Amino acid sequence: MKRPHIFVELQKTPPVLSTPEAHIFEDPTPASTAQNTPRPTDDELWEIYEIARTAREVRDGGYKRVALQFPDGMLRDSPRVFEALEEELKRSPATVAPAGKVRQEDELVTSFTHLSTSSARTEQARENGIEKGRDGTAERVRFYILADTSYGSCCVDEIAAEHVEADVVVHYGRSCLSPTARLPVIYVFTSHPLDIPDAVQAFESTFSSKEEKVVLMADITYNTHIPTLHTSLLSAGYTRLLTPPIIHDPSSQIPNRELDTSIDLKEYSLFHISDPPQALLLTLSSRVREMFIYPTSSPAPSSTSTQKTIQANTAMTLRRRYALLTRLSTCPVFGILINTLSVANYLSTITSIRSLITRSGKKSYTFVVGKVNAAKIANFSEIGGWVVVGCWESSLIEGSEFFRPVITPFELGLCLQGDGERVWDGSWRGDFGGVEEMVGASSSKVGVDEEEMKGAERGDGVEDEDSEEESAPPEFDLRTGRYVSHSRPMRTTSSLTSPPASQGPGQSGGSTEASKVLTRRAKGDLVTVNGTVSPGAEYLRNQRTWQGLGSDFAETEASQEIEEGRSGVARGYTVGGDGERR
C-alpha cells in the first residue's frame, strides 16, 4: 500500500501589498449580510439584547461608565440598545441596600449561565453606594458604544473599554468566553431563533438507535434552545444524552463546557447546533467518536423538507497543520505574535514561549500588530515562522496569503521536538494551557544535557568550543531534503558565554572566554547586540536590500552643488531660478 503524500502549496515570493492603480477607488470591504436582514421590532430588541437583565446587573453592580461592545453585524442596532438601556434605568432607579443587609441572593445568584458572579459587583456597590448628583438625584449611568474592536469580536476588548475608563463591559454576540484580565464582563449572547421540530427530525435521521450516546451542544447564540431540544428528544425515547452547561474554561474536555471527568467522550458522538469554529472541531476531533453539525446559516430547501446534518471531517486540516509544523522544525527565528491583550495569563504565556524557544537554541522576537493580516506580518521577512498568542479560537489562523506559516503554542511544542521524539497522536488544542508543561519538560531535558556535558568536560579536562556543534546530529528540511546548518543560531552563543565548571567566578578564565568569543566572531563574522548573536541584525546586514533612508547613497559620493528647489503654494509651484511654474 502506497503511503499518501501531503502537498502544501507554499509561496516563493512575498505577496503584493500595494493596490493596483486601476482599483484605487474600489472598496475592498465585503458587503455585510446582516444589513439585508429585517431589523428587529422593539419587543424583539428587548428580548434579543436582554435589556432588562443588563440594566439590572448594571444597577446592582453600581457601575457608572458602561462600555457596550457590539460585533460588526450588530452595530446598526447599537443606538436602539443604547436608548433602551437608558430608558430602563430611568424607569427603575437604583436603591441603596443598608450596610450589612445585602440581599443573600446577590451573594449567591450568578448571572446568565453562571458566566459572571454577582459577589464582586455587590461588594463594589456596598463600598461605593449610589453616587448622588448636585440636585440629590442618582447620577446618570453613561454608556459608550465600542466599534472596530482591537482584535477579534469574540474577545472582550478591554483596551478600548479602558480608553473611556469603563467600569464594566457588556459583550454582545457570540464569545470565546476566555477569562479576562482586568474588567468585569456582562455577557449577552443575543439568542437566535431555532426550528425545534426540524432539529428533532434531523437528530432522529442521524441517530436511529434510541440507545445512542450523544452530547447535545450548540453555538453560544443558540444555547438557550438546548433545554427545549433535550426535553423533546427525551420524549422521543432517547435516554443517553448529555447537555453540559457553559463555563469559563477553554481547557476543559469540551471547551467552555462543564463535564464530569469520569465520562469517556470516546464513547459519545457530538450533535452540534450551528456551524462551530474550526478550532472547536480540531479540538474535539480526537476526543469524541463522531461529530455531526446541524447548519443554521441556510434555510431548508422547502418548508416540507428537513435540514440535513453534516458529518465533520478534520483529517485534511490536521494533515495540513502537521505539514506546517514539520516545515518549521528547522526554522531558526520565530516571531511571537500577540493577538490579545485581554485574556488572563497571556503575559506569563509569552514568557514561557520565549523560554521554550531559547532552550531549543532558536531566536524569538515579539510583535504586537493588532488585527492580524498577511500584509502586516509580511513586512518582517527575517521571521521564519509565527506563533500566535490569543484566545483559543483566534490562535488558529489559516490562509494561503500568508508568506510564512502561522502556528499555535501547542503546535510550537511539537515543532521544537526532534524528529526522533516527535509523536503526534492527532490530538490538538487551541488554548495555551499546556505551555507550562512543555516548558517543564524542556527544562528537565536541558538539565540532563548539561550534566552530560559537564561530565564530558571533567573527563577530558579541556573544553572544545566546537564539540557541541560537531556532536549534534545533522538536521534536514523535511520539505526539501536539504541539509540545514543554521537552524539553532543561539546554541553556539550559550555555549560560548557559559563559564566552565572547573573555574570559579574569580579565576583568570574570563580572559580565555573573552578570547574565544572574539575568535568566534572573527571566524563566523557574526553580528551581535549587547554580546548576543542577533539573527535579525545579521539578516538586516546581509539580505535586506534597503536598510533605511540614506542607504541608497552609501556607495556614491554626495553632490556638493546646491540646487534651488520648489517654492510657492499648492495651486502653483515655481521651479528653479528661471521661474517656471507648474
Protein backbone atom coordinates (compact mmCIF):
# COMPACT_ATOMS: atom_id res chain seq x y z
CA MET A 1 0.00 0.00 0.00
CA LYS A 2 1.46 3.32 -1.02
CA ARG A 3 1.92 5.94 1.60
CA PRO A 4 -0.15 9.08 0.86
CA HIS A 5 1.82 12.23 0.21
CA ILE A 6 0.96 15.58 1.70
CA PHE A 7 1.37 18.53 -0.65
CA VAL A 8 1.31 22.03 0.76
CA GLU A 9 1.31 24.92 -1.68
CA LEU A 10 3.83 27.49 -0.47
CA GLN A 11 4.60 30.96 -1.73
CA LYS A 12 8.06 31.53 -3.12
CA THR A 13 7.87 35.32 -3.08
CA PRO A 14 6.22 37.78 -0.71
CA PRO A 15 2.66 38.81 -1.65
CA VAL A 16 1.98 42.07 -3.46
CA LEU A 17 0.95 44.51 -0.75
CA SER A 18 0.16 47.56 -2.88
CA THR A 19 -3.17 48.31 -4.54
CA PRO A 20 -3.12 48.39 -8.38
CA GLU A 21 -3.70 51.81 -9.83
CA ALA A 22 -6.82 50.69 -11.70
CA HIS A 23 -8.51 49.61 -8.44
CA ILE A 24 -7.57 52.59 -6.31
CA PHE A 25 -11.17 53.82 -5.93
CA GLU A 26 -12.73 50.42 -5.32
CA ASP A 27 -13.87 49.47 -1.83
CA PRO A 28 -12.39 46.07 -0.89
CA THR A 29 -14.64 45.70 2.17
CA PRO A 30 -17.07 42.80 1.66
CA ALA A 31 -20.76 43.54 1.92
CA SER A 32 -22.27 42.71 5.28
CA THR A 33 -25.07 40.16 5.06
CA ALA A 34 -26.58 41.42 8.32
CA GLN A 35 -27.72 44.63 6.61
CA ASN A 36 -30.09 42.65 4.35
CA THR A 37 -31.96 41.06 7.25
CA PRO A 38 -35.03 42.83 8.66
CA ARG A 39 -34.47 44.89 11.77
CA PRO A 40 -36.00 43.58 14.99
CA THR A 41 -39.07 45.21 16.45
CA ASP A 42 -38.96 46.92 19.84
CA ASP A 43 -40.21 43.82 21.63
CA GLU A 44 -37.73 41.60 19.79
CA LEU A 45 -34.94 44.05 20.57
CA TRP A 46 -35.68 43.91 24.31
CA GLU A 47 -35.72 40.12 24.20
CA ILE A 48 -32.68 39.54 21.95
CA TYR A 49 -30.40 42.04 23.72
CA GLU A 50 -31.82 41.24 27.18
CA ILE A 51 -32.33 44.88 28.12
CA ALA A 52 -33.99 44.17 31.48
CA ARG A 53 -31.28 41.79 32.71
CA THR A 54 -28.45 44.04 31.53
CA ALA A 55 -29.93 47.10 33.23
CA ARG A 56 -30.47 45.12 36.43
CA GLU A 57 -26.85 43.91 36.55
CA VAL A 58 -25.55 47.42 35.82
CA ARG A 59 -27.76 48.85 38.56
CA ASP A 60 -26.89 46.16 41.12
CA GLY A 61 -23.19 46.50 40.41
CA GLY A 62 -23.19 50.27 40.90
CA TYR A 63 -21.42 50.85 37.58
CA LYS A 64 -21.35 54.41 36.24
CA ARG A 65 -19.41 54.02 32.98
CA VAL A 66 -20.50 51.08 30.85
CA ALA A 67 -18.90 50.03 27.55
CA LEU A 68 -21.19 48.30 25.04
CA GLN A 69 -19.20 46.05 22.70
CA PHE A 70 -21.01 45.01 19.50
CA PRO A 71 -19.77 42.83 16.64
CA ASP A 72 -19.82 44.41 13.20
CA GLY A 73 -23.08 42.74 12.21
CA MET A 74 -24.97 44.21 15.19
CA LEU A 75 -23.67 47.78 15.12
CA ARG A 76 -26.79 49.01 13.36
CA ASP A 77 -28.84 48.10 16.46
CA SER A 78 -26.45 49.79 18.89
CA PRO A 79 -28.26 53.19 19.04
CA ARG A 80 -31.56 51.50 19.86
CA VAL A 81 -29.94 49.32 22.52
CA PHE A 82 -28.29 52.44 23.95
CA GLU A 83 -31.63 54.24 24.24
CA ALA A 84 -33.41 51.16 25.60
CA LEU A 85 -30.87 50.73 28.39
CA GLU A 86 -31.12 54.38 29.42
CA GLU A 87 -34.91 54.16 29.39
CA GLU A 88 -34.89 51.02 31.55
CA LEU A 89 -32.51 52.55 34.09
CA LYS A 90 -34.66 55.68 34.38
CA ARG A 91 -37.79 53.59 34.82
CA SER A 92 -36.43 51.65 37.82
CA PRO A 93 -33.77 53.72 39.63
CA ALA A 94 -31.26 52.01 41.89
CA THR A 95 -31.75 51.77 45.63
CA VAL A 96 -29.01 51.50 48.21
CA ALA A 97 -29.13 48.47 50.49
CA PRO A 98 -28.38 49.17 54.18
CA ALA A 99 -24.89 48.26 55.34
CA GLY A 100 -24.69 44.64 56.47
CA LYS A 101 -28.08 43.81 54.93
CA VAL A 102 -27.11 42.92 51.41
CA ARG A 103 -29.59 40.50 49.93
CA GLN A 104 -28.50 36.89 50.18
CA GLU A 105 -29.44 36.16 46.60
CA ASP A 106 -26.99 38.83 45.38
CA GLU A 107 -24.18 36.91 47.07
CA LEU A 108 -25.15 33.50 45.72
CA VAL A 109 -27.01 34.03 42.47
CA THR A 110 -24.93 34.14 39.33
CA SER A 111 -25.83 35.79 36.07
CA PHE A 112 -26.94 34.04 32.94
CA THR A 113 -25.44 30.52 32.61
CA HIS A 114 -23.05 31.16 35.53
CA LEU A 115 -20.84 33.44 33.49
CA SER A 116 -20.19 36.31 35.91
CA THR A 117 -20.69 36.14 39.64
CA SER A 118 -22.51 38.89 41.46
CA SER A 119 -20.46 38.87 44.69
CA ALA A 120 -17.74 41.19 43.37
CA ARG A 121 -20.29 43.64 41.99
CA THR A 122 -22.25 43.59 45.26
CA GLU A 123 -19.08 44.34 47.20
CA GLN A 124 -18.38 47.29 44.93
CA ALA A 125 -21.93 48.58 45.31
CA ARG A 126 -21.65 48.22 49.08
CA GLU A 127 -18.47 50.31 49.17
CA ASN A 128 -19.47 52.98 46.67
CA GLY A 129 -23.21 53.11 47.26
CA ILE A 130 -25.08 55.30 44.81
CA GLU A 131 -23.35 58.47 43.75
CA LYS A 132 -25.60 61.49 44.04
CA GLY A 133 -25.67 64.49 41.78
CA ARG A 134 -25.86 68.10 42.95
CA ASP A 135 -29.65 68.04 42.99
CA GLY A 136 -29.71 64.91 45.17
CA THR A 137 -30.83 62.55 42.38
CA ALA A 138 -28.93 59.46 41.29
CA GLU A 139 -26.09 60.20 38.90
CA ARG A 140 -26.68 59.19 35.30
CA VAL A 141 -25.06 56.00 34.05
CA ARG A 142 -23.01 56.73 30.94
CA PHE A 143 -22.90 54.22 28.08
CA TYR A 144 -20.19 54.06 25.42
CA ILE A 145 -20.53 52.10 22.17
CA LEU A 146 -17.36 50.26 21.13
CA ALA A 147 -16.85 49.58 17.43
CA ASP A 148 -13.89 48.24 15.42
CA THR A 149 -12.52 46.00 18.17
CA SER A 150 -8.76 45.82 18.73
CA TYR A 151 -8.70 42.07 18.00
CA GLY A 152 -11.42 39.51 17.28
CA SER A 153 -15.04 40.28 18.11
CA CYS A 154 -15.27 37.08 20.18
CA CYS A 155 -12.86 38.53 22.77
CA VAL A 156 -13.68 41.26 25.28
CA ASP A 157 -11.98 44.48 24.16
CA GLU A 158 -10.59 45.69 27.47
CA ILE A 159 -8.19 48.07 25.71
CA ALA A 160 -10.96 50.10 24.06
CA ALA A 161 -13.00 49.98 27.27
CA GLU A 162 -10.11 51.41 29.29
CA HIS A 163 -9.87 54.32 26.85
CA VAL A 164 -13.26 55.51 28.10
CA GLU A 165 -12.45 54.49 31.70
CA ALA A 166 -15.30 51.99 31.76
CA ASP A 167 -16.23 50.12 34.95
CA VAL A 168 -17.73 47.14 33.11
CA VAL A 169 -18.04 45.77 29.57
CA VAL A 170 -21.29 44.44 28.12
CA HIS A 171 -20.31 41.96 25.41
CA TYR A 172 -22.94 41.21 22.75
CA GLY A 173 -22.98 38.27 20.34
CA ARG A 174 -21.02 35.05 20.33
CA SER A 175 -17.98 34.87 22.55
CA CYS A 176 -14.96 32.64 23.09
CA LEU A 177 -15.54 33.02 26.87
CA SER A 178 -11.83 33.37 27.58
CA PRO A 179 -11.20 34.63 31.14
CA THR A 180 -10.48 38.37 31.18
CA ALA A 181 -7.58 40.03 32.97
CA ARG A 182 -8.89 43.36 34.33
CA LEU A 183 -12.56 44.35 33.87
CA PRO A 184 -15.80 42.55 34.84
CA VAL A 185 -17.97 41.45 31.91
CA ILE A 186 -21.71 41.06 31.36
CA TYR A 187 -22.33 38.59 28.52
CA VAL A 188 -25.41 38.92 26.31
CA PHE A 189 -25.47 36.11 23.76
CA THR A 190 -28.29 37.60 21.60
CA SER A 191 -30.14 34.30 21.14
CA HIS A 192 -31.19 33.40 17.61
CA PRO A 193 -34.40 31.54 16.69
CA LEU A 194 -34.27 27.78 16.05
CA ASP A 195 -36.79 25.43 14.47
CA ILE A 196 -37.02 22.80 17.24
CA PRO A 197 -39.23 20.25 15.35
CA ASP A 198 -36.88 20.35 12.36
CA ALA A 199 -33.85 19.88 14.62
CA VAL A 200 -35.55 16.88 16.28
CA GLN A 201 -36.23 15.29 12.89
CA ALA A 202 -32.62 15.87 11.84
CA PHE A 203 -31.41 14.25 15.06
CA GLU A 204 -33.67 11.21 14.56
CA SER A 205 -32.48 10.77 10.96
CA THR A 206 -28.86 10.91 12.13
CA PHE A 207 -29.17 8.62 15.17
CA SER A 208 -31.64 5.83 14.51
CA SER A 209 -30.85 3.93 17.72
CA LYS A 210 -32.51 5.25 20.88
CA GLU A 211 -29.58 3.95 22.97
CA GLU A 212 -27.02 6.09 21.15
CA LYS A 213 -24.72 8.12 23.41
CA VAL A 214 -24.81 11.72 22.18
CA VAL A 215 -23.57 15.04 23.50
CA LEU A 216 -26.02 17.85 22.72
CA MET A 217 -24.19 21.12 22.15
CA ALA A 218 -24.89 24.41 20.41
CA ASP A 219 -23.15 27.60 19.50
CA ILE A 220 -23.34 30.30 22.15
CA THR A 221 -26.07 32.16 20.30
CA TYR A 222 -28.28 29.02 20.17
CA ASN A 223 -27.53 27.61 23.61
CA THR A 224 -30.86 28.75 25.10
CA HIS A 225 -32.64 26.18 22.89
CA ILE A 226 -30.70 23.19 24.28
CA PRO A 227 -33.08 22.53 27.26
CA THR A 228 -36.12 22.55 24.94
CA LEU A 229 -34.40 20.30 22.41
CA HIS A 230 -33.30 17.96 25.19
CA THR A 231 -36.85 17.65 26.52
CA SER A 232 -38.20 16.90 23.04
CA LEU A 233 -35.60 14.18 22.45
CA LEU A 234 -36.33 12.58 25.83
CA SER A 235 -39.99 12.45 24.85
CA ALA A 236 -38.96 10.75 21.60
CA GLY A 237 -37.28 7.91 23.55
CA TYR A 238 -33.59 8.94 23.67
CA THR A 239 -32.14 8.26 27.11
CA ARG A 240 -28.34 8.65 26.84
CA LEU A 241 -27.99 12.35 26.16
CA LEU A 242 -25.53 14.79 27.71
CA THR A 243 -26.16 18.54 27.84
CA PRO A 244 -23.08 20.09 29.51
CA PRO A 245 -23.63 23.63 30.85
CA ILE A 246 -21.49 26.62 29.87
CA ILE A 247 -18.48 27.56 32.00
CA HIS A 248 -15.38 29.74 31.66
CA ASP A 249 -12.76 27.09 30.90
CA PRO A 250 -11.37 26.74 27.35
CA SER A 251 -9.05 23.95 28.56
CA SER A 252 -11.85 21.60 29.68
CA GLN A 253 -12.66 18.32 27.88
CA ILE A 254 -15.16 20.20 25.74
CA PRO A 255 -14.04 23.85 25.62
CA ASN A 256 -16.22 26.06 27.84
CA ARG A 257 -18.48 23.17 28.83
CA GLU A 258 -18.66 21.51 32.25
CA LEU A 259 -18.32 17.75 32.03
CA ASP A 260 -17.62 15.06 34.61
CA THR A 261 -14.06 13.79 34.27
CA SER A 262 -15.24 10.20 34.69
CA ILE A 263 -17.11 10.35 31.35
CA ASP A 264 -15.25 8.83 28.41
CA LEU A 265 -16.02 11.04 25.43
CA LYS A 266 -14.69 8.40 23.04
CA GLU A 267 -17.99 6.58 23.53
CA TYR A 268 -20.09 9.63 22.59
CA SER A 269 -20.99 11.32 19.35
CA LEU A 270 -21.48 15.08 19.10
CA PHE A 271 -24.59 16.80 17.74
CA HIS A 272 -23.79 20.49 17.34
CA ILE A 273 -26.33 23.22 16.53
CA SER A 274 -24.95 25.81 14.08
CA ASP A 275 -21.52 25.86 12.45
CA PRO A 276 -18.82 25.63 15.14
CA PRO A 277 -15.47 27.43 14.88
CA GLN A 278 -12.70 25.46 13.23
CA ALA A 279 -10.69 25.44 16.46
CA LEU A 280 -13.50 23.56 18.24
CA LEU A 281 -13.68 20.93 15.50
CA LEU A 282 -9.94 20.29 15.65
CA THR A 283 -10.02 20.11 19.44
CA LEU A 284 -12.86 17.58 19.57
CA SER A 285 -11.75 15.52 16.56
CA SER A 286 -9.64 13.25 18.77
CA ARG A 287 -11.90 13.35 21.84
CA VAL A 288 -15.30 12.23 20.54
CA ARG A 289 -16.30 9.36 18.29
CA GLU A 290 -18.11 11.34 15.58
CA MET A 291 -19.23 14.92 15.02
CA PHE A 292 -22.44 15.97 13.30
CA ILE A 293 -23.36 19.59 12.57
CA TYR A 294 -26.90 20.88 12.20
CA PRO A 295 -26.41 24.00 10.00
CA THR A 296 -28.44 27.12 10.68
CA SER A 297 -26.85 29.52 8.20
CA SER A 298 -29.03 28.40 5.28
CA PRO A 299 -32.74 27.51 5.47
CA ALA A 300 -34.12 24.16 4.40
CA PRO A 301 -34.75 23.78 0.65
CA SER A 302 -38.52 23.72 1.20
CA SER A 303 -40.93 24.03 4.06
CA THR A 304 -41.68 20.30 3.99
CA SER A 305 -38.05 19.06 3.88
CA THR A 306 -35.78 18.61 6.87
CA GLN A 307 -32.38 20.24 7.21
CA LYS A 308 -29.77 17.51 6.86
CA THR A 309 -26.87 17.20 9.26
CA ILE A 310 -23.26 17.33 8.07
CA GLN A 311 -20.63 14.95 9.37
CA ALA A 312 -17.49 16.91 10.23
CA ASN A 313 -14.18 15.65 8.85
CA THR A 314 -10.98 17.30 10.06
CA ALA A 315 -8.45 14.85 8.59
CA MET A 316 -7.29 17.19 5.80
CA THR A 317 -6.97 20.14 8.16
CA LEU A 318 -4.94 18.14 10.69
CA ARG A 319 -2.61 16.88 7.95
CA ARG A 320 -2.11 20.43 6.74
CA ARG A 321 -1.32 21.64 10.27
CA TYR A 322 1.18 18.80 10.75
CA ALA A 323 2.85 19.67 7.46
CA LEU A 324 3.25 23.29 8.61
CA LEU A 325 4.86 22.42 11.94
CA THR A 326 7.24 19.89 10.37
CA ARG A 327 8.27 22.56 7.89
CA LEU A 328 9.15 24.85 10.81
CA SER A 329 11.23 22.22 12.61
CA THR A 330 14.38 23.75 11.07
CA CYS A 331 13.24 27.37 11.40
CA PRO A 332 15.96 29.44 13.19
CA VAL A 333 13.90 32.57 14.00
CA PHE A 334 10.33 32.62 15.37
CA GLY A 335 8.02 35.59 15.75
CA ILE A 336 5.69 35.64 18.77
CA LEU A 337 2.53 37.35 17.54
CA ILE A 338 0.39 38.79 20.34
CA ASN A 339 -3.23 38.54 19.27
CA THR A 340 -4.83 39.52 22.58
CA LEU A 341 -4.28 41.94 25.43
CA SER A 342 -7.29 40.82 27.46
CA VAL A 343 -7.05 37.06 28.02
CA ALA A 344 -5.84 36.22 31.51
CA ASN A 345 -2.27 34.90 31.89
CA TYR A 346 -1.22 35.90 28.37
CA LEU A 347 1.92 37.66 29.69
CA SER A 348 3.15 34.59 31.55
CA THR A 349 2.44 32.51 28.45
CA ILE A 350 4.60 34.80 26.31
CA THR A 351 7.44 34.44 28.83
CA SER A 352 7.11 30.65 28.76
CA ILE A 353 7.14 30.56 24.95
CA ARG A 354 10.28 32.69 24.85
CA SER A 355 11.97 30.34 27.30
CA LEU A 356 10.89 27.32 25.27
CA ILE A 357 12.33 28.76 22.05
CA THR A 358 15.56 29.89 23.71
CA ARG A 359 16.22 26.47 25.24
CA SER A 360 15.89 24.97 21.78
CA GLY A 361 18.75 27.15 20.55
CA LYS A 362 16.50 29.36 18.42
CA LYS A 363 15.79 33.09 18.42
CA SER A 364 12.42 34.79 19.03
CA TYR A 365 11.07 38.29 18.54
CA THR A 366 7.78 39.62 19.93
CA PHE A 367 5.30 41.64 17.84
CA VAL A 368 2.03 43.46 18.55
CA VAL A 369 0.28 44.37 15.28
CA GLY A 370 -3.40 44.50 16.28
CA LYS A 371 -5.67 42.55 13.95
CA VAL A 372 -3.52 40.03 12.10
CA ASN A 373 -3.39 40.06 8.31
CA ALA A 374 -0.89 38.95 5.68
CA ALA A 375 0.22 42.48 4.78
CA LYS A 376 1.35 43.34 8.31
CA ILE A 377 3.45 40.29 9.06
CA ALA A 378 4.93 40.14 5.55
CA ASN A 379 6.99 43.23 6.46
CA PHE A 380 9.19 41.05 8.70
CA SER A 381 10.80 38.76 6.15
CA GLU A 382 13.55 37.64 8.55
CA ILE A 383 10.94 35.73 10.59
CA GLY A 384 10.76 32.10 9.53
CA GLY A 385 7.53 31.22 11.36
CA TRP A 386 4.92 32.81 13.62
CA VAL A 387 3.41 31.68 16.92
CA VAL A 388 0.08 33.28 17.83
CA VAL A 389 -0.78 34.02 21.46
CA GLY A 390 -4.50 34.71 21.59
CA CYS A 391 -7.78 33.20 22.64
CA TRP A 392 -8.38 29.53 21.87
CA GLU A 393 -10.35 30.45 18.73
CA SER A 394 -8.20 33.23 17.26
CA SER A 395 -4.93 31.29 17.68
CA LEU A 396 -5.85 29.18 14.66
CA ILE A 397 -5.01 31.31 11.60
CA GLU A 398 -5.10 29.70 8.17
CA GLY A 399 -4.79 31.12 4.71
CA SER A 400 -2.66 30.77 1.60
CA GLU A 401 -1.98 34.51 1.56
CA PHE A 402 0.44 34.31 4.49
CA PHE A 403 4.09 34.33 3.42
CA ARG A 404 5.22 32.35 6.48
CA PRO A 405 3.39 29.62 8.42
CA VAL A 406 1.35 30.66 11.47
CA ILE A 407 1.03 28.05 14.24
CA THR A 408 -0.36 27.78 17.78
CA PRO A 409 1.63 27.36 21.04
CA PHE A 410 0.63 23.68 21.15
CA GLU A 411 1.98 23.15 17.63
CA LEU A 412 5.16 25.01 18.59
CA GLY A 413 5.84 22.44 21.32
CA LEU A 414 5.65 19.65 18.72
CA CYS A 415 7.71 21.66 16.26
CA LEU A 416 10.63 22.13 18.68
CA GLN A 417 10.90 18.40 19.38
CA GLY A 418 13.43 16.33 17.49
CA ASP A 419 12.43 14.11 14.60
CA GLY A 420 13.00 11.05 16.79
CA GLU A 421 10.90 12.44 19.65
CA ARG A 422 8.00 14.00 17.76
CA VAL A 423 4.95 11.77 18.04
CA TRP A 424 1.55 13.23 17.24
CA ASP A 425 -1.49 11.13 18.02
CA GLY A 426 -3.86 13.52 16.22
CA SER A 427 -4.86 15.49 19.31
CA TRP A 428 -4.97 19.27 19.01
CA ARG A 429 -5.69 22.20 21.31
CA GLY A 430 -6.03 25.92 20.62
CA ASP A 431 -5.54 27.35 24.10
CA PHE A 432 -2.15 27.86 25.71
CA GLY A 433 -2.89 25.78 28.78
CA GLY A 434 -0.19 23.19 28.00
CA VAL A 435 2.67 25.65 27.52
CA GLU A 436 3.82 25.38 31.14
CA GLU A 437 4.03 21.59 30.85
CA MET A 438 6.14 21.88 27.70
CA VAL A 439 8.50 24.33 29.42
CA GLY A 440 8.88 21.98 32.38
CA ALA A 441 9.69 19.04 30.09
CA SER A 442 12.19 21.18 28.20
CA SER A 443 13.85 22.27 31.47
CA SER A 444 14.35 18.70 32.62
CA LYS A 445 15.83 17.73 29.27
CA VAL A 446 18.21 20.69 29.28
CA GLY A 447 19.32 19.78 32.82
CA VAL A 448 20.18 16.23 31.71
CA ASP A 449 22.13 17.54 28.71
CA GLU A 450 24.10 19.94 30.91
CA GLU A 451 25.04 17.16 33.34
CA GLU A 452 26.28 15.03 30.45
CA MET A 453 28.28 17.97 29.09
CA LYS A 454 29.89 18.67 32.49
CA GLY A 455 30.80 15.02 32.86
CA ALA A 456 32.46 15.02 29.46
CA GLU A 457 34.40 18.18 30.36
CA ARG A 458 35.62 16.68 33.63
CA GLY A 459 36.76 13.56 31.81
CA ASP A 460 38.62 15.32 29.01
CA GLY A 461 39.94 18.23 31.02
CA VAL A 462 39.72 20.58 28.02
CA GLU A 463 36.56 22.03 26.54
CA ASP A 464 36.34 22.20 22.80
CA GLU A 465 34.29 25.12 21.64
CA ASP A 466 33.07 23.21 18.59
CA SER A 467 32.33 19.95 20.41
CA GLU A 468 28.62 20.69 20.92
CA GLU A 469 28.07 21.79 17.37
CA GLU A 470 30.02 18.92 15.83
CA SER A 471 28.42 16.25 18.02
CA ALA A 472 24.88 17.42 17.27
CA PRO A 473 23.06 15.24 14.73
CA PRO A 474 22.60 16.75 11.26
CA GLU A 475 19.27 18.41 10.52
CA PHE A 476 17.46 18.26 7.22
CA ASP A 477 14.48 20.17 5.91
CA LEU A 478 11.71 17.58 5.65
CA ARG A 479 10.12 19.57 2.84
CA THR A 480 13.11 19.97 0.52
CA GLY A 481 15.50 17.33 1.87
CA ARG A 482 18.35 19.83 2.12
CA TYR A 483 20.85 19.96 4.96
CA VAL A 484 20.30 22.89 7.34
CA SER A 485 23.33 24.19 9.24
CA HIS A 486 21.86 27.26 10.97
CA SER A 487 18.60 26.02 12.50
CA ARG A 488 19.79 26.74 16.08
CA PRO A 489 21.74 30.01 15.94
CA MET A 490 21.56 30.65 19.70
CA ARG A 491 23.06 27.31 20.76
CA THR A 492 26.58 28.49 19.88
CA THR A 493 26.06 31.71 21.82
CA SER A 494 25.01 29.90 25.00
CA SER A 495 27.97 27.54 24.84
CA LEU A 496 30.38 30.44 24.44
CA THR A 497 29.03 32.62 27.22
CA SER A 498 28.68 29.89 29.90
CA PRO A 499 31.84 29.58 32.10
CA PRO A 500 33.42 26.13 32.51
CA ALA A 501 32.57 24.22 35.66
CA SER A 502 36.23 23.78 36.66
CA GLN A 503 36.81 27.52 37.13
CA GLY A 504 35.37 29.83 39.72
CA PRO A 505 34.00 33.31 39.10
CA GLY A 506 37.17 34.94 40.39
CA GLN A 507 39.73 32.93 38.42
CA SER A 508 41.54 34.08 35.32
CA GLY A 509 39.45 32.05 32.94
CA GLY A 510 37.45 35.14 31.97
CA SER A 511 40.16 36.36 29.58
CA THR A 512 40.24 32.95 27.92
CA GLU A 513 36.46 33.02 27.48
CA ALA A 514 36.62 36.55 26.04
CA SER A 515 39.31 35.49 23.60
CA LYS A 516 37.13 32.60 22.49
CA VAL A 517 34.24 34.98 21.85
CA LEU A 518 36.48 37.27 19.82
CA THR A 519 37.85 34.31 17.88
CA ARG A 520 34.36 33.09 17.22
CA ARG A 521 33.24 36.45 15.87
CA ALA A 522 36.23 36.63 13.58
CA LYS A 523 35.65 33.08 12.39
CA GLY A 524 31.96 33.41 11.66
CA ASP A 525 31.76 37.21 11.37
CA LEU A 526 28.54 37.22 13.40
CA VAL A 527 26.51 40.31 14.23
CA THR A 528 25.99 40.71 17.97
CA VAL A 529 23.79 43.03 20.03
CA ASN A 530 24.94 43.51 23.64
CA GLY A 531 27.21 40.50 23.28
CA THR A 532 24.46 38.21 21.98
CA VAL A 533 24.19 36.90 18.45
CA SER A 534 21.30 38.61 16.65
CA PRO A 535 19.89 36.76 13.61
CA GLY A 536 17.67 39.76 12.88
CA ALA A 537 20.65 42.11 12.67
CA GLU A 538 22.54 39.56 10.59
CA TYR A 539 19.60 39.40 8.16
CA LEU A 540 19.45 43.19 8.01
CA ARG A 541 23.14 43.44 7.16
CA ASN A 542 23.38 40.67 4.58
CA GLN A 543 19.98 40.09 2.97
CA ARG A 544 17.88 43.24 3.13
CA THR A 545 18.40 45.33 0.01
CA TRP A 546 17.06 48.53 1.61
CA GLN A 547 18.28 49.38 5.10
CA GLY A 548 16.79 52.81 5.70
CA LEU A 549 16.96 56.40 4.48
CA GLY A 550 20.38 57.33 3.12
CA SER A 551 21.47 53.76 2.48
CA ASP A 552 20.92 54.21 -1.27
CA PHE A 553 23.78 56.75 -1.39
CA ALA A 554 26.21 54.90 0.86
CA GLU A 555 28.47 53.90 -2.04
CA THR A 556 28.10 57.08 -4.10
CA GLU A 557 29.68 60.43 -3.44
CA ALA A 558 27.22 63.12 -2.44
CA SER A 559 26.94 66.10 -4.75
CA GLN A 560 28.42 69.34 -3.43
CA GLU A 561 26.23 71.51 -5.66
CA ILE A 562 23.39 73.42 -4.06
CA GLU A 563 20.22 73.48 -6.15
CA GLU A 564 17.16 75.60 -5.67
CA GLY A 565 14.04 73.55 -5.10
CA ARG A 566 10.34 74.30 -5.46
CA SER A 567 8.67 77.28 -3.89
CA GLY A 568 5.16 78.66 -3.76
CA VAL A 569 1.77 77.29 -2.77
CA ALA A 570 -0.17 74.20 -3.78
CA ARG A 571 -2.03 75.92 -6.63
CA GLY A 572 1.22 76.60 -8.47
CA TYR A 573 4.89 75.92 -7.78
CA THR A 574 7.90 77.87 -9.02
CA VAL A 575 10.74 75.52 -10.01
CA GLY A 576 14.32 76.81 -10.05
CA GLY A 577 15.57 80.30 -10.70
CA ASP A 578 14.06 80.67 -14.18
CA GLY A 579 10.60 80.99 -12.66
CA GLU A 580 8.99 78.06 -14.45
CA ARG A 581 5.57 77.45 -12.97
CA ARG A 582 3.95 74.03 -12.60
